[in-house]
PDB file of N, CA and C in Angstrom:
ATOM      1  N   MET A   1     -12.652 -14.062 -25.607  1.00  0.00           N
ATOM      2  CA  MET A   1     -11.213 -14.055 -25.755  1.00  0.00           C
ATOM      3  C   MET A   1     -10.582 -14.822 -24.597  1.00  0.00           C
ATOM      4  N   GLU A   2      -9.518 -15.470 -24.898  1.00  0.00           N
ATOM      5  CA  GLU A   2      -8.850 -16.288 -23.899  1.00  0.00           C
ATOM      6  C   GLU A   2      -8.166 -15.439 -22.837  1.00  0.00           C
ATOM      7  N   ALA A   3      -8.278 -15.885 -21.599  1.00  0.00           N
ATOM      8  CA  ALA A   3      -7.675 -15.166 -20.479  1.00  0.00           C
ATOM      9  C   ALA A   3      -6.152 -15.113 -20.581  1.00  0.00           C
ATOM     10  N   LYS A   4      -5.537 -16.094 -21.260  1.00  0.00           N
ATOM     11  CA  LYS A   4      -4.078 -16.094 -21.326  1.00  0.00           C
ATOM     12  C   LYS A   4      -3.533 -14.909 -22.112  1.00  0.00           C
ATOM     13  N   TYR A   5      -4.350 -14.286 -22.936  1.00  0.00           N
ATOM     14  CA  TYR A   5      -3.934 -13.101 -23.682  1.00  0.00           C
ATOM     15  C   TYR A   5      -4.494 -11.817 -23.074  1.00  0.00           C
ATOM     16  N   HIS A   6      -5.661 -11.897 -22.467  1.00  0.00           N
ATOM     17  CA  HIS A   6      -6.384 -10.710 -22.029  1.00  0.00           C
ATOM     18  C   HIS A   6      -5.805 -10.142 -20.722  1.00  0.00           C
ATOM     19  N   VAL A   7      -4.647  -9.550 -20.829  1.00  0.00           N
ATOM     20  CA  VAL A   7      -4.008  -8.873 -19.696  1.00  0.00           C
ATOM     21  C   VAL A   7      -3.423  -7.555 -20.202  1.00  0.00           C
ATOM     22  N   CYS A   8      -3.178  -6.646 -19.303  1.00  0.00           N
ATOM     23  CA  CYS A   8      -2.706  -5.313 -19.680  1.00  0.00           C
ATOM     24  C   CYS A   8      -1.456  -5.333 -20.562  1.00  0.00           C
ATOM     25  N   ALA A   9      -0.527  -6.211 -20.286  1.00  0.00           N
ATOM     26  CA  ALA A   9       0.736  -6.232 -21.038  1.00  0.00           C
ATOM     27  C   ALA A   9       0.534  -6.501 -22.524  1.00  0.00           C
ATOM     28  N   THR A  10      -0.606  -7.087 -22.917  1.00  0.00           N
ATOM     29  CA  THR A  10      -0.861  -7.384 -24.328  1.00  0.00           C
ATOM     30  C   THR A  10      -1.780  -6.359 -24.982  1.00  0.00           C
ATOM     31  N   CYS A  11      -2.096  -5.283 -24.284  1.00  0.00           N
ATOM     32  CA  CYS A  11      -3.018  -4.248 -24.766  1.00  0.00           C
ATOM     33  C   CYS A  11      -2.257  -3.086 -25.417  1.00  0.00           C
ATOM     34  N   ILE A  12      -2.873  -2.480 -26.422  1.00  0.00           N
ATOM     35  CA  ILE A  12      -2.242  -1.357 -27.116  1.00  0.00           C
ATOM     36  C   ILE A  12      -2.077  -0.129 -26.224  1.00  0.00           C
ATOM     37  N   HIS A  13      -2.805  -0.061 -25.137  1.00  0.00           N
ATOM     38  CA  HIS A  13      -2.762   1.112 -24.252  1.00  0.00           C
ATOM     39  C   HIS A  13      -1.740   0.977 -23.120  1.00  0.00           C
ATOM     40  N   PHE A  14      -1.069  -0.156 -23.034  1.00  0.00           N
ATOM     41  CA  PHE A  14      -0.123  -0.436 -21.955  1.00  0.00           C
ATOM     42  C   PHE A  14       1.218   0.236 -22.208  1.00  0.00           C
ATOM     43  N   LEU A  15       1.700   0.975 -21.219  1.00  0.00           N
ATOM     44  CA  LEU A  15       3.006   1.637 -21.303  1.00  0.00           C
ATOM     45  C   LEU A  15       3.884   1.183 -20.153  1.00  0.00           C
ATOM     46  N   ALA A  16       5.121   0.862 -20.450  1.00  0.00           N
ATOM     47  CA  ALA A  16       6.100   0.480 -19.434  1.00  0.00           C
ATOM     48  C   ALA A  16       7.246   1.479 -19.492  1.00  0.00           C
ATOM     49  N   GLU A  17       7.548   2.090 -18.350  1.00  0.00           N
ATOM     50  CA  GLU A  17       8.626   3.086 -18.285  1.00  0.00           C
ATOM     51  C   GLU A  17       9.590   2.739 -17.157  1.00  0.00           C
ATOM     52  N   ARG A  18      10.872   2.825 -17.456  1.00  0.00           N
ATOM     53  CA  ARG A  18      11.881   2.617 -16.432  1.00  0.00           C
ATOM     54  C   ARG A  18      12.157   3.957 -15.760  1.00  0.00           C
ATOM     55  N   LYS A  19      11.990   3.986 -14.447  1.00  0.00           N
ATOM     56  CA  LYS A  19      12.239   5.202 -13.668  1.00  0.00           C
ATOM     57  C   LYS A  19      13.256   4.865 -12.582  1.00  0.00           C
ATOM     58  N   ALA A  20      13.724   5.877 -11.895  1.00  0.00           N
ATOM     59  CA  ALA A  20      14.727   5.671 -10.854  1.00  0.00           C
ATOM     60  C   ALA A  20      14.257   4.675  -9.791  1.00  0.00           C
ATOM     61  N   GLU A  21      12.960   4.701  -9.470  1.00  0.00           N
ATOM     62  CA  GLU A  21      12.406   3.804  -8.445  1.00  0.00           C
ATOM     63  C   GLU A  21      12.053   2.421  -8.992  1.00  0.00           C
ATOM     64  N   GLY A  22      12.245   2.208 -10.289  1.00  0.00           N
ATOM     65  CA  GLY A  22      11.955   0.913 -10.913  1.00  0.00           C
ATOM     66  C   GLY A  22      10.981   1.075 -12.070  1.00  0.00           C
ATOM     67  N   MET A  23      10.435  -0.024 -12.533  1.00  0.00           N
ATOM     68  CA  MET A  23       9.498  -0.004 -13.648  1.00  0.00           C
ATOM     69  C   MET A  23       8.134   0.516 -13.194  1.00  0.00           C
ATOM     70  N   VAL A  24       7.550   1.363 -14.040  1.00  0.00           N
ATOM     71  CA  VAL A  24       6.211   1.889 -13.788  1.00  0.00           C
ATOM     72  C   VAL A  24       5.356   1.516 -14.989  1.00  0.00           C
ATOM     73  N   PHE A  25       4.231   0.864 -14.716  1.00  0.00           N
ATOM     74  CA  PHE A  25       3.321   0.414 -15.764  1.00  0.00           C
ATOM     75  C   PHE A  25       2.053   1.248 -15.703  1.00  0.00           C
ATOM     76  N   THR A  26       1.625   1.764 -16.851  1.00  0.00           N
ATOM     77  CA  THR A  26       0.477   2.663 -16.909  1.00  0.00           C
ATOM     78  C   THR A  26      -0.437   2.275 -18.055  1.00  0.00           C
ATOM     79  N   CYS A  27      -1.745   2.462 -17.833  1.00  0.00           N
ATOM     80  CA  CYS A  27      -2.711   2.339 -18.917  1.00  0.00           C
ATOM     81  C   CYS A  27      -2.887   3.739 -19.493  1.00  0.00           C
ATOM     82  N   ASN A  28      -2.462   3.936 -20.716  1.00  0.00           N
ATOM     83  CA  ASN A  28      -2.529   5.249 -21.353  1.00  0.00           C
ATOM     84  C   ASN A  28      -3.976   5.688 -21.584  1.00  0.00           C
ATOM     85  N   ARG A  29      -4.886   4.744 -21.760  1.00  0.00           N
ATOM     86  CA  ARG A  29      -6.293   5.055 -21.986  1.00  0.00           C
ATOM     87  C   ARG A  29      -6.981   5.475 -20.682  1.00  0.00           C
ATOM     88  N   LEU A  30      -6.796   4.679 -19.618  1.00  0.00           N
ATOM     89  CA  LEU A  30      -7.459   4.943 -18.344  1.00  0.00           C
ATOM     90  C   LEU A  30      -6.691   5.925 -17.459  1.00  0.00           C
ATOM     91  N   LYS A  31      -5.405   6.129 -17.779  1.00  0.00           N
ATOM     92  CA  LYS A  31      -4.523   7.004 -16.989  1.00  0.00           C
ATOM     93  C   LYS A  31      -4.328   6.476 -15.567  1.00  0.00           C
ATOM     94  N   TYR A  32      -4.295   5.143 -15.432  1.00  0.00           N
ATOM     95  CA  TYR A  32      -4.079   4.488 -14.141  1.00  0.00           C
ATOM     96  C   TYR A  32      -2.752   3.764 -14.160  1.00  0.00           C
ATOM     97  N   GLU A  33      -2.133   3.679 -12.994  1.00  0.00           N
ATOM     98  CA  GLU A  33      -0.988   2.785 -12.868  1.00  0.00           C
ATOM     99  C   GLU A  33      -1.560   1.374 -12.822  1.00  0.00           C
ATOM    100  N   THR A  34      -0.905   0.455 -13.466  1.00  0.00           N
ATOM    101  CA  THR A  34      -1.414  -0.909 -13.569  1.00  0.00           C
ATOM    102  C   THR A  34      -0.273  -1.905 -13.417  1.00  0.00           C
ATOM    103  N   LYS A  35      -0.566  -3.147 -13.575  1.00  0.00           N
ATOM    104  CA  LYS A  35       0.431  -4.222 -13.563  1.00  0.00           C
ATOM    105  C   LYS A  35       0.250  -5.008 -14.861  1.00  0.00           C
ATOM    106  N   PRO A  36       1.300  -5.638 -15.368  1.00  0.00           N
ATOM    107  CA  PRO A  36       1.185  -6.384 -16.623  1.00  0.00           C
ATOM    108  C   PRO A  36       0.125  -7.485 -16.600  1.00  0.00           C
ATOM    109  N   THR A  37      -0.154  -8.054 -15.429  1.00  0.00           N
ATOM    110  CA  THR A  37      -1.107  -9.161 -15.330  1.00  0.00           C
ATOM    111  C   THR A  37      -2.535  -8.723 -15.018  1.00  0.00           C
ATOM    112  N   TYR A  38      -2.772  -7.436 -14.811  1.00  0.00           N
ATOM    113  CA  TYR A  38      -4.132  -6.968 -14.541  1.00  0.00           C
ATOM    114  C   TYR A  38      -4.983  -7.121 -15.793  1.00  0.00           C
ATOM    115  N   LYS A  39      -6.302  -7.105 -15.608  1.00  0.00           N
ATOM    116  CA  LYS A  39      -7.246  -7.312 -16.702  1.00  0.00           C
ATOM    117  C   LYS A  39      -8.396  -6.308 -16.576  1.00  0.00           C
ATOM    118  N   PHE A  40      -8.689  -5.577 -17.666  1.00  0.00           N
ATOM    119  CA  PHE A  40      -9.806  -4.633 -17.704  1.00  0.00           C
ATOM    120  C   PHE A  40     -10.682  -4.962 -18.907  1.00  0.00           C
ATOM    121  N   ASP A  41     -11.936  -4.558 -18.876  1.00  0.00           N
ATOM    122  CA  ASP A  41     -12.882  -4.838 -19.961  1.00  0.00           C
ATOM    123  C   ASP A  41     -12.584  -4.063 -21.240  1.00  0.00           C
ATOM    124  N   CYS A  42     -11.756  -3.053 -21.179  1.00  0.00           N
ATOM    125  CA  CYS A  42     -11.472  -2.211 -22.349  1.00  0.00           C
ATOM    126  C   CYS A  42     -10.288  -2.716 -23.171  1.00  0.00           C
ATOM    127  N   TRP A  43      -9.883  -3.933 -22.947  1.00  0.00           N
ATOM    128  CA  TRP A  43      -8.694  -4.522 -23.579  1.00  0.00           C
ATOM    129  C   TRP A  43      -8.775  -4.498 -25.099  1.00  0.00           C
ATOM    130  N   THR A  44      -7.728  -3.971 -25.738  1.00  0.00           N
ATOM    131  CA  THR A  44      -7.557  -3.999 -27.195  1.00  0.00           C
ATOM    132  C   THR A  44      -6.190  -4.620 -27.457  1.00  0.00           C
ATOM    133  N   PRO A  45      -6.162  -5.828 -28.026  1.00  0.00           N
ATOM    134  CA  PRO A  45      -4.879  -6.524 -28.182  1.00  0.00           C
ATOM    135  C   PRO A  45      -3.938  -5.839 -29.161  1.00  0.00           C
ATOM    136  N   LYS A  46      -2.647  -5.952 -28.876  1.00  0.00           N
ATOM    137  CA  LYS A  46      -1.612  -5.459 -29.791  1.00  0.00           C
ATOM    138  C   LYS A  46      -1.647  -6.302 -31.062  1.00  0.00           C
ATOM    139  N   GLU A  47      -1.099  -5.770 -32.137  1.00  0.00           N
ATOM    140  CA  GLU A  47      -1.167  -6.430 -33.439  1.00  0.00           C
ATOM    141  C   GLU A  47      -0.534  -7.825 -33.415  1.00  0.00           C
ATOM    142  N   HIS A  48       0.621  -7.975 -32.761  1.00  0.00           N
ATOM    143  CA  HIS A  48       1.261  -9.294 -32.735  1.00  0.00           C
ATOM    144  C   HIS A  48       0.436 -10.319 -31.953  1.00  0.00           C
ATOM    145  N   VAL A  49      -0.330  -9.853 -30.977  1.00  0.00           N
ATOM    146  CA  VAL A  49      -1.208 -10.748 -30.209  1.00  0.00           C
ATOM    147  C   VAL A  49      -2.393 -11.169 -31.081  1.00  0.00           C
ATOM    148  N   LYS A  50      -2.949 -10.218 -31.850  1.00  0.00           N
ATOM    149  CA  LYS A  50      -4.034 -10.545 -32.781  1.00  0.00           C
ATOM    150  C   LYS A  50      -3.587 -11.607 -33.781  1.00  0.00           C
ATOM    151  N   LYS A  51      -2.375 -11.442 -34.332  1.00  0.00           N
ATOM    152  CA  LYS A  51      -1.859 -12.402 -35.310  1.00  0.00           C
ATOM    153  C   LYS A  51      -1.726 -13.790 -34.692  1.00  0.00           C
ATOM    154  N   LEU A  52      -1.204 -13.860 -33.487  1.00  0.00           N
ATOM    155  CA  LEU A  52      -1.050 -15.135 -32.803  1.00  0.00           C
ATOM    156  C   LEU A  52      -2.420 -15.768 -32.531  1.00  0.00           C
ATOM    157  N   MET A  53      -3.368 -14.968 -32.085  1.00  0.00           N
ATOM    158  CA  MET A  53      -4.708 -15.474 -31.803  1.00  0.00           C
ATOM    159  C   MET A  53      -5.404 -15.952 -33.083  1.00  0.00           C
ATOM    160  N   LYS A  54      -5.223 -15.213 -34.181  1.00  0.00           N
ATOM    161  CA  LYS A  54      -5.801 -15.623 -35.471  1.00  0.00           C
ATOM    162  C   LYS A  54      -5.193 -16.947 -35.921  1.00  0.00           C
ATOM    163  N   LYS A  55      -3.886 -17.075 -35.781  1.00  0.00           N
ATOM    164  CA  LYS A  55      -3.170 -18.291 -36.174  1.00  0.00           C
ATOM    165  C   LYS A  55      -3.716 -19.495 -35.401  1.00  0.00           C
ATOM    166  N   ARG A  56      -4.066 -19.289 -34.148  1.00  0.00           N
ATOM    167  CA  ARG A  56      -4.579 -20.364 -33.304  1.00  0.00           C
ATOM    168  C   ARG A  56      -6.109 -20.489 -33.370  1.00  0.00           C
ATOM    169  N   GLY A  57      -6.750 -19.650 -34.191  1.00  0.00           N
ATOM    170  CA  GLY A  57      -8.194 -19.700 -34.340  1.00  0.00           C
ATOM    171  C   GLY A  57      -8.960 -19.144 -33.156  1.00  0.00           C
ATOM    172  N   GLU A  58      -8.338 -18.234 -32.405  1.00  0.00           N
ATOM    173  CA  GLU A  58      -8.940 -17.699 -31.179  1.00  0.00           C
ATOM    174  C   GLU A  58      -9.411 -16.256 -31.319  1.00  0.00           C
ATOM    175  N   PHE A  59      -9.230 -15.651 -32.490  1.00  0.00           N
ATOM    176  CA  PHE A  59      -9.604 -14.244 -32.677  1.00  0.00           C
ATOM    177  C   PHE A  59     -10.359 -14.091 -33.983  1.00  0.00           C
ATOM    178  N   HIS A  60     -11.471 -13.381 -33.916  1.00  0.00           N
ATOM    179  CA  HIS A  60     -12.269 -13.102 -35.105  1.00  0.00           C
ATOM    180  C   HIS A  60     -12.655 -11.631 -35.077  1.00  0.00           C
ATOM    181  N   GLU A  61     -12.369 -10.919 -36.149  1.00  0.00           N
ATOM    182  CA  GLU A  61     -12.689  -9.484 -36.207  1.00  0.00           C
ATOM    183  C   GLU A  61     -14.116  -9.296 -36.646  1.00  0.00           C
TER     184      GLU A  61
END
């Protein structure tokens, strides 16, 4: 998979919450605070990312 997609922000487990201290990004699967640009091996792309990758010939199920 291409690195341009394989980041936390494009994963189904990524959660972004606005809090008083600012935005907090969490991996719901790993239960870790993360950043949108971080990359883990457990990446599962969101549906719209899969569609874009399929359209460009970069994703095969």
